[in-house]
Amino acid sequence: MGNFGLFVRFTLRDGAGEAFDALIRETAAGIQAHEPGTLVYACHQVEGAPNERIFYELYANHEAFEEHERQPHTRRFLEERSKYVEKTEVDRLQPYAGKHPTGAEA
């Protein structure tokens, strides 16, 4: 099976942006160091919407996503995020065209 992705929109509680972003930087460092099957983990602030964060995540396959979910840094993020997040919206993606890593280098 091919790549698997997520598009996640977080709406943060007022004043939580700095702490949430620090948690994300910590999580992203763990992802970079320990997750070769995570091909893209891109976190974005939204222009004109200071309480919004968008994540685009691309995994080599669904198994790589499941491995991501088991990692200590991801589990810590999932446990801590409720302090900062008011609302979470998640779309599960099945890439089929475009330019993105294929997982061959993972």
PDB file of N, CA and C in Angstrom:
ATOM      1  N   MET A   1       0.848  -1.194   0.000  1.00  0.00           N
ATOM      2  CA  MET A   1       0.000   0.000   0.000  1.00  0.00           C
ATOM      3  C   MET A   1       0.881   1.240   0.000  1.00  0.00           C
ATOM      4  N   GLY A   2       0.433   2.311  -0.636  1.00  0.00           N
ATOM      5  CA  GLY A   2       1.226   3.526  -0.793  1.00  0.00           C
ATOM      6  C   GLY A   2       1.168   4.453   0.403  1.00  0.00           C
ATOM      7  N   ASN A   3       1.538   5.694   0.146  1.00  0.00           N
ATOM      8  CA  ASN A   3       1.583   6.718   1.187  1.00  0.00           C
ATOM      9  C   ASN A   3       0.237   6.892   1.873  1.00  0.00           C
ATOM     10  N   PHE A   4       0.304   7.394   3.097  1.00  0.00           N
ATOM     11  CA  PHE A   4      -0.871   7.709   3.901  1.00  0.00           C
ATOM     12  C   PHE A   4      -0.626   9.077   4.506  1.00  0.00           C
ATOM     13  N   GLY A   5      -1.642   9.940   4.506  1.00  0.00           N
ATOM     14  CA  GLY A   5      -1.450  11.282   5.036  1.00  0.00           C
ATOM     15  C   GLY A   5      -2.575  11.749   5.929  1.00  0.00           C
ATOM     16  N   LEU A   6      -2.292  12.829   6.644  1.00  0.00           N
ATOM     17  CA  LEU A   6      -3.284  13.499   7.473  1.00  0.00           C
ATOM     18  C   LEU A   6      -3.213  14.997   7.216  1.00  0.00           C
ATOM     19  N   PHE A   7      -4.366  15.630   7.256  1.00  0.00           N
ATOM     20  CA  PHE A   7      -4.477  17.082   7.272  1.00  0.00           C
ATOM     21  C   PHE A   7      -5.200  17.393   8.572  1.00  0.00           C
ATOM     22  N   VAL A   8      -4.534  18.126   9.466  1.00  0.00           N
ATOM     23  CA  VAL A   8      -5.092  18.378  10.802  1.00  0.00           C
ATOM     24  C   VAL A   8      -5.167  19.879  11.031  1.00  0.00           C
ATOM     25  N   ARG A   9      -6.320  20.337  11.500  1.00  0.00           N
ATOM     26  CA  ARG A   9      -6.491  21.737  11.885  1.00  0.00           C
ATOM     27  C   ARG A   9      -6.765  21.779  13.382  1.00  0.00           C
ATOM     28  N   PHE A  10      -5.895  22.489  14.098  1.00  0.00           N
ATOM     29  CA  PHE A  10      -6.080  22.720  15.525  1.00  0.00           C
ATOM     30  C   PHE A  10      -6.549  24.153  15.731  1.00  0.00           C
ATOM     31  N   THR A  11      -7.592  24.330  16.508  1.00  0.00           N
ATOM     32  CA  THR A  11      -7.998  25.647  16.971  1.00  0.00           C
ATOM     33  C   THR A  11      -7.570  25.725  18.431  1.00  0.00           C
ATOM     34  N   LEU A  12      -6.689  26.672  18.723  1.00  0.00           N
ATOM     35  CA  LEU A  12      -6.102  26.778  20.055  1.00  0.00           C
ATOM     36  C   LEU A  12      -6.939  27.662  20.976  1.00  0.00           C
ATOM     37  N   ARG A  13      -6.789  27.408  22.264  1.00  0.00           N
ATOM     38  CA  ARG A  13      -7.395  28.279  23.267  1.00  0.00           C
ATOM     39  C   ARG A  13      -6.675  29.635  23.209  1.00  0.00           C
ATOM     40  N   ASP A  14      -7.382  30.702  23.543  1.00  0.00           N
ATOM     41  CA  ASP A  14      -6.763  32.031  23.554  1.00  0.00           C
ATOM     42  C   ASP A  14      -5.530  32.015  24.448  1.00  0.00           C
ATOM     43  N   GLY A  15      -4.425  32.544  23.917  1.00  0.00           N
ATOM     44  CA  GLY A  15      -3.187  32.653  24.677  1.00  0.00           C
ATOM     45  C   GLY A  15      -2.338  31.386  24.728  1.00  0.00           C
ATOM     46  N   ALA A  16      -2.755  30.320  24.067  1.00  0.00           N
ATOM     47  CA  ALA A  16      -2.041  29.044  24.156  1.00  0.00           C
ATOM     48  C   ALA A  16      -1.009  28.836  23.053  1.00  0.00           C
ATOM     49  N   GLY A  17      -0.925  29.757  22.101  1.00  0.00           N
ATOM     50  CA  GLY A  17      -0.074  29.546  20.931  1.00  0.00           C
ATOM     51  C   GLY A  17       1.383  29.275  21.252  1.00  0.00           C
ATOM     52  N   GLU A  18       1.980  30.071  22.111  1.00  0.00           N
ATOM     53  CA  GLU A  18       3.407  29.920  22.398  1.00  0.00           C
ATOM     54  C   GLU A  18       3.705  28.562  23.044  1.00  0.00           C
ATOM     55  N   ALA A  19       2.901  28.162  24.015  1.00  0.00           N
ATOM     56  CA  ALA A  19       3.120  26.877  24.690  1.00  0.00           C
ATOM     57  C   ALA A  19       2.856  25.703  23.744  1.00  0.00           C
ATOM     58  N   PHE A  20       1.813  25.795  22.926  1.00  0.00           N
ATOM     59  CA  PHE A  20       1.516  24.740  21.960  1.00  0.00           C
ATOM     60  C   PHE A  20       2.661  24.612  20.963  1.00  0.00           C
ATOM     61  N   ASP A  21       3.148  25.734  20.454  1.00  0.00           N
ATOM     62  CA  ASP A  21       4.233  25.708  19.487  1.00  0.00           C
ATOM     63  C   ASP A  21       5.504  25.114  20.092  1.00  0.00           C
ATOM     64  N   ALA A  22       5.778  25.377  21.365  1.00  0.00           N
ATOM     65  CA  ALA A  22       6.938  24.776  22.032  1.00  0.00           C
ATOM     66  C   ALA A  22       6.769  23.257  22.118  1.00  0.00           C
ATOM     67  N   LEU A  23       5.567  22.795  22.435  1.00  0.00           N
ATOM     68  CA  LEU A  23       5.292  21.362  22.488  1.00  0.00           C
ATOM     69  C   LEU A  23       5.487  20.731  21.112  1.00  0.00           C
ATOM     70  N   ILE A  24       5.061  21.422  20.075  1.00  0.00           N
ATOM     71  CA  ILE A  24       5.210  20.911  18.712  1.00  0.00           C
ATOM     72  C   ILE A  24       6.677  20.845  18.312  1.00  0.00           C
ATOM     73  N   ARG A  25       7.450  21.843  18.663  1.00  0.00           N
ATOM     74  CA  ARG A  25       8.883  21.810  18.320  1.00  0.00           C
ATOM     75  C   ARG A  25       9.571  20.616  18.985  1.00  0.00           C
ATOM     76  N   GLU A  26       9.208  20.337  20.216  1.00  0.00           N
ATOM     77  CA  GLU A  26       9.743  19.178  20.932  1.00  0.00           C
ATOM     78  C   GLU A  26       9.321  17.879  20.239  1.00  0.00           C
ATOM     79  N   THR A  27       8.058  17.790  19.867  1.00  0.00           N
ATOM     80  CA  THR A  27       7.534  16.605  19.183  1.00  0.00           C
ATOM     81  C   THR A  27       8.207  16.428  17.830  1.00  0.00           C
ATOM     82  N   ALA A  28       8.339  17.503  17.081  1.00  0.00           N
ATOM     83  CA  ALA A  28       8.948  17.435  15.752  1.00  0.00           C
ATOM     84  C   ALA A  28      10.401  16.971  15.832  1.00  0.00           C
ATOM     85  N   ALA A  29      11.122  17.371  16.877  1.00  0.00           N
ATOM     86  CA  ALA A  29      12.506  16.916  17.044  1.00  0.00           C
ATOM     87  C   ALA A  29      12.544  15.398  17.209  1.00  0.00           C
ATOM     88  N   GLY A  30      11.614  14.840  17.976  1.00  0.00           N
ATOM     89  CA  GLY A  30      11.538  13.393  18.133  1.00  0.00           C
ATOM     90  C   GLY A  30      11.198  12.698  16.830  1.00  0.00           C
ATOM     91  N   ILE A  31      10.309  13.293  16.064  1.00  0.00           N
ATOM     92  CA  ILE A  31       9.919  12.728  14.766  1.00  0.00           C
ATOM     93  C   ILE A  31      11.117  12.701  13.827  1.00  0.00           C
ATOM     94  N   GLN A  32      11.846  13.801  13.759  1.00  0.00           N
ATOM     95  CA  GLN A  32      13.013  13.864  12.877  1.00  0.00           C
ATOM     96  C   GLN A  32      14.068  12.837  13.284  1.00  0.00           C
ATOM     97  N   ALA A  33      14.248  12.629  14.569  1.00  0.00           N
ATOM     98  CA  ALA A  33      15.305  11.741  15.054  1.00  0.00           C
ATOM     99  C   ALA A  33      14.944  10.255  14.983  1.00  0.00           C
ATOM    100  N   HIS A  34      13.647   9.921  15.077  1.00  0.00           N
ATOM    101  CA  HIS A  34      13.280   8.517  15.293  1.00  0.00           C
ATOM    102  C   HIS A  34      12.268   7.931  14.322  1.00  0.00           C
ATOM    103  N   GLU A  35      11.844   8.681  13.302  1.00  0.00           N
ATOM    104  CA  GLU A  35      10.763   8.178  12.447  1.00  0.00           C
ATOM    105  C   GLU A  35      11.111   8.267  10.963  1.00  0.00           C
ATOM    106  N   PRO A  36      11.866   7.326  10.451  1.00  0.00           N
ATOM    107  CA  PRO A  36      12.191   7.365   9.026  1.00  0.00           C
ATOM    108  C   PRO A  36      10.965   7.188   8.123  1.00  0.00           C
ATOM    109  N   GLY A  37       9.905   6.568   8.618  1.00  0.00           N
ATOM    110  CA  GLY A  37       8.697   6.371   7.818  1.00  0.00           C
ATOM    111  C   GLY A  37       7.785   7.580   7.779  1.00  0.00           C
ATOM    112  N   THR A  38       8.096   8.599   8.583  1.00  0.00           N
ATOM    113  CA  THR A  38       7.360   9.862   8.515  1.00  0.00           C
ATOM    114  C   THR A  38       8.083  10.726   7.496  1.00  0.00           C
ATOM    115  N   LEU A  39       7.493  10.855   6.323  1.00  0.00           N
ATOM    116  CA  LEU A  39       8.141  11.540   5.206  1.00  0.00           C
ATOM    117  C   LEU A  39       8.012  13.048   5.298  1.00  0.00           C
ATOM    118  N   VAL A  40       6.847  13.534   5.744  1.00  0.00           N
ATOM    119  CA  VAL A  40       6.591  14.971   5.908  1.00  0.00           C
ATOM    120  C   VAL A  40       5.804  15.155   7.193  1.00  0.00           C
ATOM    121  N   TYR A  41       6.242  16.098   8.022  1.00  0.00           N
ATOM    122  CA  TYR A  41       5.491  16.487   9.207  1.00  0.00           C
ATOM    123  C   TYR A  41       5.621  18.001   9.272  1.00  0.00           C
ATOM    124  N   ALA A  42       4.745  18.692   8.574  1.00  0.00           N
ATOM    125  CA  ALA A  42       4.847  20.133   8.394  1.00  0.00           C
ATOM    126  C   ALA A  42       3.775  20.839   9.210  1.00  0.00           C
ATOM    127  N   CYS A  43       4.219  21.721  10.106  1.00  0.00           N
ATOM    128  CA  CYS A  43       3.324  22.462  10.995  1.00  0.00           C
ATOM    129  C   CYS A  43       3.299  23.925  10.542  1.00  0.00           C
ATOM    130  N   HIS A  44       2.099  24.482  10.443  1.00  0.00           N
ATOM    131  CA  HIS A  44       1.950  25.829   9.898  1.00  0.00           C
ATOM    132  C   HIS A  44       1.090  26.702  10.812  1.00  0.00           C
ATOM    133  N   GLN A  45       1.506  27.955  10.966  1.00  0.00           N
ATOM    134  CA  GLN A  45       0.626  28.965  11.529  1.00  0.00           C
ATOM    135  C   GLN A  45      -0.215  29.491  10.372  1.00  0.00           C
ATOM    136  N   VAL A  46      -1.406  29.983  10.675  1.00  0.00           N
ATOM    137  CA  VAL A  46      -2.313  30.461   9.636  1.00  0.00           C
ATOM    138  C   VAL A  46      -2.324  31.988   9.660  1.00  0.00           C
ATOM    139  N   GLU A  47      -1.973  32.571   8.542  1.00  0.00           N
ATOM    140  CA  GLU A  47      -1.945  34.027   8.438  1.00  0.00           C
ATOM    141  C   GLU A  47      -3.318  34.608   8.744  1.00  0.00           C
ATOM    142  N   GLY A  48      -3.350  35.571   9.658  1.00  0.00           N
ATOM    143  CA  GLY A  48      -4.598  36.237  10.014  1.00  0.00           C
ATOM    144  C   GLY A  48      -5.474  35.468  10.992  1.00  0.00           C
ATOM    145  N   ALA A  49      -5.015  34.294  11.438  1.00  0.00           N
ATOM    146  CA  ALA A  49      -5.783  33.473  12.388  1.00  0.00           C
ATOM    147  C   ALA A  49      -4.813  32.950  13.455  1.00  0.00           C
ATOM    148  N   PRO A  50      -4.478  33.772  14.457  1.00  0.00           N
ATOM    149  CA  PRO A  50      -3.427  33.416  15.415  1.00  0.00           C
ATOM    150  C   PRO A  50      -3.707  32.172  16.253  1.00  0.00           C
ATOM    151  N   ASN A  51      -4.950  31.747  16.343  1.00  0.00           N
ATOM    152  CA  ASN A  51      -5.275  30.556  17.134  1.00  0.00           C
ATOM    153  C   ASN A  51      -5.422  29.298  16.284  1.00  0.00           C
ATOM    154  N   GLU A  52      -5.044  29.368  15.020  1.00  0.00           N
ATOM    155  CA  GLU A  52      -5.163  28.211  14.131  1.00  0.00           C
ATOM    156  C   GLU A  52      -3.774  27.659  13.806  1.00  0.00           C
ATOM    157  N   ARG A  53      -3.677  26.333  13.779  1.00  0.00           N
ATOM    158  CA  ARG A  53      -2.479  25.639  13.323  1.00  0.00           C
ATOM    159  C   ARG A  53      -2.915  24.539  12.354  1.00  0.00           C
ATOM    160  N   ILE A  54      -2.185  24.402  11.272  1.00  0.00           N
ATOM    161  CA  ILE A  54      -2.447  23.382  10.260  1.00  0.00           C
ATOM    162  C   ILE A  54      -1.241  22.444  10.207  1.00  0.00           C
ATOM    163  N   PHE A  55      -1.512  21.160  10.214  1.00  0.00           N
ATOM    164  CA  PHE A  55      -0.443  20.165  10.054  1.00  0.00           C
ATOM    165  C   PHE A  55      -0.724  19.370   8.788  1.00  0.00           C
ATOM    166  N   TYR A  56       0.329  19.135   8.023  1.00  0.00           N
ATOM    167  CA  TYR A  56       0.259  18.185   6.916  1.00  0.00           C
ATOM    168  C   TYR A  56       1.264  17.089   7.233  1.00  0.00           C
ATOM    169  N   GLU A  57       0.769  15.866   7.301  1.00  0.00           N
ATOM    170  CA  GLU A  57       1.606  14.726   7.655  1.00  0.00           C
ATOM    171  C   GLU A  57       1.538  13.703   6.533  1.00  0.00           C
ATOM    172  N   LEU A  58       2.692  13.201   6.126  1.00  0.00           N
ATOM    173  CA  LEU A  58       2.748  12.183   5.092  1.00  0.00           C
ATOM    174  C   LEU A  58       3.644  11.051   5.569  1.00  0.00           C
ATOM    175  N   TYR A  59       3.094   9.857   5.538  1.00  0.00           N
ATOM    176  CA  TYR A  59       3.791   8.661   6.008  1.00  0.00           C
ATOM    177  C   TYR A  59       4.041   7.721   4.837  1.00  0.00           C
ATOM    178  N   ALA A  60       5.104   6.931   4.924  1.00  0.00           N
ATOM    179  CA  ALA A  60       5.438   5.988   3.859  1.00  0.00           C
ATOM    180  C   ALA A  60       4.277   5.034   3.597  1.00  0.00           C
ATOM    181  N   ASN A  61       3.542   4.697   4.653  1.00  0.00           N
ATOM    182  CA  ASN A  61       2.389   3.803   4.557  1.00  0.00           C
ATOM    183  C   ASN A  61       1.629   3.870   5.885  1.00  0.00           C
ATOM    184  N   HIS A  62       0.545   3.146   5.984  1.00  0.00           N
ATOM    185  CA  HIS A  62      -0.264   3.190   7.207  1.00  0.00           C
ATOM    186  C   HIS A  62       0.501   2.624   8.400  1.00  0.00           C
ATOM    187  N   GLU A  63       1.361   1.646   8.159  1.00  0.00           N
ATOM    188  CA  GLU A  63       2.168   1.072   9.243  1.00  0.00           C
ATOM    189  C   GLU A  63       3.115   2.119   9.830  1.00  0.00           C
ATOM    190  N   ALA A  64       3.674   2.982   8.983  1.00  0.00           N
ATOM    191  CA  ALA A  64       4.546   4.055   9.469  1.00  0.00           C
ATOM    192  C   ALA A  64       3.755   5.034  10.330  1.00  0.00           C
ATOM    193  N   PHE A  65       2.516   5.306   9.956  1.00  0.00           N
ATOM    194  CA  PHE A  65       1.652   6.152  10.782  1.00  0.00           C
ATOM    195  C   PHE A  65       1.406   5.496  12.141  1.00  0.00           C
ATOM    196  N   GLU A  66       1.111   4.205  12.142  1.00  0.00           N
ATOM    197  CA  GLU A  66       0.884   3.498  13.409  1.00  0.00           C
ATOM    198  C   GLU A  66       2.132   3.522  14.286  1.00  0.00           C
ATOM    199  N   GLU A  67       3.314   3.392  13.667  1.00  0.00           N
ATOM    200  CA  GLU A  67       4.570   3.483  14.420  1.00  0.00           C
ATOM    201  C   GLU A  67       4.730   4.891  15.001  1.00  0.00           C
ATOM    202  N   HIS A  68       4.387   5.905  14.238  1.00  0.00           N
ATOM    203  CA  HIS A  68       4.409   7.291  14.725  1.00  0.00           C
ATOM    204  C   HIS A  68       3.545   7.437  15.971  1.00  0.00           C
ATOM    205  N   GLU A  69       2.366   6.862  15.938  1.00  0.00           N
ATOM    206  CA  GLU A  69       1.430   6.968  17.064  1.00  0.00           C
ATOM    207  C   GLU A  69       1.962   6.279  18.326  1.00  0.00           C
ATOM    208  N   ARG A  70       2.838   5.295  18.192  1.00  0.00           N
ATOM    209  CA  ARG A  70       3.392   4.563  19.343  1.00  0.00           C
ATOM    210  C   ARG A  70       4.596   5.246  19.972  1.00  0.00           C
ATOM    211  N   GLN A  71       5.179   6.215  19.294  1.00  0.00           N
ATOM    212  CA  GLN A  71       6.411   6.852  19.778  1.00  0.00           C
ATOM    213  C   GLN A  71       6.168   7.655  21.063  1.00  0.00           C
ATOM    214  N   PRO A  72       7.129   7.645  21.996  1.00  0.00           N
ATOM    215  CA  PRO A  72       6.970   8.405  23.250  1.00  0.00           C
ATOM    216  C   PRO A  72       6.716   9.896  23.031  1.00  0.00           C
ATOM    217  N   HIS A  73       7.402  10.508  22.060  1.00  0.00           N
ATOM    218  CA  HIS A  73       7.202  11.945  21.824  1.00  0.00           C
ATOM    219  C   HIS A  73       5.796  12.219  21.293  1.00  0.00           C
ATOM    220  N   THR A  74       5.240  11.322  20.482  1.00  0.00           N
ATOM    221  CA  THR A  74       3.876  11.500  19.981  1.00  0.00           C
ATOM    222  C   THR A  74       2.872  11.279  21.102  1.00  0.00           C
ATOM    223  N   ARG A  75       3.088  10.265  21.909  1.00  0.00           N
ATOM    224  CA  ARG A  75       2.170   9.991  23.020  1.00  0.00           C
ATOM    225  C   ARG A  75       2.149  11.167  24.001  1.00  0.00           C
ATOM    226  N   ARG A  76       3.310  11.757  24.241  1.00  0.00           N
ATOM    227  CA  ARG A  76       3.371  12.932  25.125  1.00  0.00           C
ATOM    228  C   ARG A  76       2.570  14.081  24.521  1.00  0.00           C
ATOM    229  N   PHE A  77       2.749  14.323  23.211  1.00  0.00           N
ATOM    230  CA  PHE A  77       1.974  15.374  22.547  1.00  0.00           C
ATOM    231  C   PHE A  77       0.475  15.118  22.691  1.00  0.00           C
ATOM    232  N   LEU A  78       0.043  13.899  22.423  1.00  0.00           N
ATOM    233  CA  LEU A  78      -1.380  13.572  22.491  1.00  0.00           C
ATOM    234  C   LEU A  78      -1.936  13.765  23.896  1.00  0.00           C
ATOM    235  N   GLU A  79      -1.125  13.478  24.912  1.00  0.00           N
ATOM    236  CA  GLU A  79      -1.562  13.668  26.303  1.00  0.00           C
ATOM    237  C   GLU A  79      -1.601  15.142  26.698  1.00  0.00           C
ATOM    238  N   GLU A  80      -0.666  15.934  26.210  1.00  0.00           N
ATOM    239  CA  GLU A  80      -0.529  17.332  26.626  1.00  0.00           C
ATOM    240  C   GLU A  80      -1.379  18.312  25.822  1.00  0.00           C
ATOM    241  N   ARG A  81      -1.742  17.969  24.608  1.00  0.00           N
ATOM    242  CA  ARG A  81      -2.366  18.951  23.713  1.00  0.00           C
ATOM    243  C   ARG A  81      -3.689  19.507  24.225  1.00  0.00           C
ATOM    244  N   SER A  82      -4.427  18.737  25.016  1.00  0.00           N
ATOM    245  CA  SER A  82      -5.737  19.209  25.474  1.00  0.00           C
ATOM    246  C   SER A  82      -5.638  20.479  26.324  1.00  0.00           C
ATOM    247  N   LYS A  83      -4.476  20.741  26.907  1.00  0.00           N
ATOM    248  CA  LYS A  83      -4.273  21.976  27.666  1.00  0.00           C
ATOM    249  C   LYS A  83      -4.369  23.198  26.762  1.00  0.00           C
ATOM    250  N   TYR A  84      -4.046  23.016  25.485  1.00  0.00           N
ATOM    251  CA  TYR A  84      -3.890  24.132  24.564  1.00  0.00           C
ATOM    252  C   TYR A  84      -4.924  24.179  23.450  1.00  0.00           C
ATOM    253  N   VAL A  85      -5.555  23.047  23.170  1.00  0.00           N
ATOM    254  CA  VAL A  85      -6.408  22.919  21.994  1.00  0.00           C
ATOM    255  C   VAL A  85      -7.883  22.967  22.369  1.00  0.00           C
ATOM    256  N   GLU A  86      -8.616  23.809  21.660  1.00  0.00           N
ATOM    257  CA  GLU A  86     -10.063  23.921  21.836  1.00  0.00           C
ATOM    258  C   GLU A  86     -10.815  22.968  20.904  1.00  0.00           C
ATOM    259  N   LYS A  87     -10.278  22.794  19.672  1.00  0.00           N
ATOM    260  CA  LYS A  87     -10.963  21.979  18.672  1.00  0.00           C
ATOM    261  C   LYS A  87      -9.926  21.357  17.739  1.00  0.00           C
ATOM    262  N   THR A  88     -10.181  20.112  17.331  1.00  0.00           N
ATOM    263  CA  THR A  88      -9.306  19.406  16.392  1.00  0.00           C
ATOM    264  C   THR A  88     -10.143  18.839  15.255  1.00  0.00           C
ATOM    265  N   GLU A  89      -9.705  19.083  14.021  1.00  0.00           N
ATOM    266  CA  GLU A  89     -10.353  18.504  12.838  1.00  0.00           C
ATOM    267  C   GLU A  89      -9.295  17.718  12.079  1.00  0.00           C
ATOM    268  N   VAL A  90      -9.609  16.465  11.714  1.00  0.00           N
ATOM    269  CA  VAL A  90      -8.643  15.593  11.053  1.00  0.00           C
ATOM    270  C   VAL A  90      -9.251  15.017   9.780  1.00  0.00           C
ATOM    271  N   ASP A  91      -8.521  15.142   8.680  1.00  0.00           N
ATOM    272  CA  ASP A  91      -8.859  14.468   7.427  1.00  0.00           C
ATOM    273  C   ASP A  91      -7.772  13.444   7.159  1.00  0.00           C
ATOM    274  N   ARG A  92      -8.164  12.205   6.897  1.00  0.00           N
ATOM    275  CA  ARG A  92      -7.243  11.145   6.509  1.00  0.00           C
ATOM    276  C   ARG A  92      -7.128  11.185   4.989  1.00  0.00           C
ATOM    277  N   LEU A  93      -5.885  11.140   4.490  1.00  0.00           N
ATOM    278  CA  LEU A  93      -5.618  11.365   3.077  1.00  0.00           C
ATOM    279  C   LEU A  93      -4.976  10.142   2.432  1.00  0.00           C
ATOM    280  N   GLN A  94      -5.360   9.891   1.210  1.00  0.00           N
ATOM    281  CA  GLN A  94      -4.727   8.862   0.380  1.00  0.00           C
ATOM    282  C   GLN A  94      -4.170   9.562  -0.854  1.00  0.00           C
ATOM    283  N   PRO A  95      -2.886   9.988  -0.819  1.00  0.00           N
ATOM    284  CA  PRO A  95      -2.319  10.701  -1.962  1.00  0.00           C
ATOM    285  C   PRO A  95      -2.383   9.861  -3.232  1.00  0.00           C
ATOM    286  N   TYR A  96      -2.659  10.522  -4.360  1.00  0.00           N
ATOM    287  CA  TYR A  96      -2.735   9.787  -5.620  1.00  0.00           C
ATOM    288  C   TYR A  96      -2.040  10.504  -6.777  1.00  0.00           C
ATOM    289  N   ALA A  97      -1.753  11.792  -6.651  1.00  0.00           N
ATOM    290  CA  ALA A  97      -1.060  12.515  -7.715  1.00  0.00           C
ATOM    291  C   ALA A  97      -0.356  13.717  -7.104  1.00  0.00           C
ATOM    292  N   GLY A  98       0.622  14.217  -7.799  1.00  0.00           N
ATOM    293  CA  GLY A  98       1.322  15.404  -7.339  1.00  0.00           C
ATOM    294  C   GLY A  98       2.789  15.119  -7.111  1.00  0.00           C
ATOM    295  N   LYS A  99       3.448  16.020  -6.417  1.00  0.00           N
ATOM    296  CA  LYS A  99       4.871  15.876  -6.119  1.00  0.00           C
ATOM    297  C   LYS A  99       5.031  15.767  -4.614  1.00  0.00           C
ATOM    298  N   HIS A 100       5.486  14.631  -4.181  1.00  0.00           N
ATOM    299  CA  HIS A 100       5.738  14.410  -2.766  1.00  0.00           C
ATOM    300  C   HIS A 100       6.671  13.214  -2.618  1.00  0.00           C
ATOM    301  N   PRO A 101       7.304  13.051  -1.461  1.00  0.00           N
ATOM    302  CA  PRO A 101       8.181  11.888  -1.269  1.00  0.00           C
ATOM    303  C   PRO A 101       7.373  10.596  -1.430  1.00  0.00           C
ATOM    304  N   THR A 102       7.990   9.606  -1.986  1.00  0.00           N
ATOM    305  CA  THR A 102       7.289   8.338  -2.234  1.00  0.00           C
ATOM    306  C   THR A 102       7.527   7.316  -1.147  1.00  0.00           C
ATOM    307  N   GLY A 103       8.485   7.546  -0.279  1.00  0.00           N
ATOM    308  CA  GLY A 103       8.821   6.574   0.747  1.00  0.00           C
ATOM    309  C   GLY A 103       9.964   5.676   0.326  1.00  0.00           C
ATOM    310  N   ALA A 104      10.412   5.772  -0.906  1.00  0.00           N
ATOM    311  CA  ALA A 104      11.496   4.925  -1.381  1.00  0.00           C
ATOM    312  C   ALA A 104      12.792   5.202  -0.621  1.00  0.00           C
ATOM    313  N   GLU A 105      12.944   6.454  -0.174  1.00  0.00           N
ATOM    314  CA  GLU A 105      14.167   6.796   0.546  1.00  0.00           C
ATOM    315  C   GLU A 105      14.067   6.478   2.026  1.00  0.00           C
ATOM    316  N   ALA A 106      12.888   6.049   2.488  1.00  0.00           N
ATOM    317  CA  ALA A 106      12.700   5.745   3.921  1.00  0.00           C
ATOM    318  C   ALA A 106      13.174   4.343   4.237  1.00  0.00           C
TER     319      ALA A 106
END
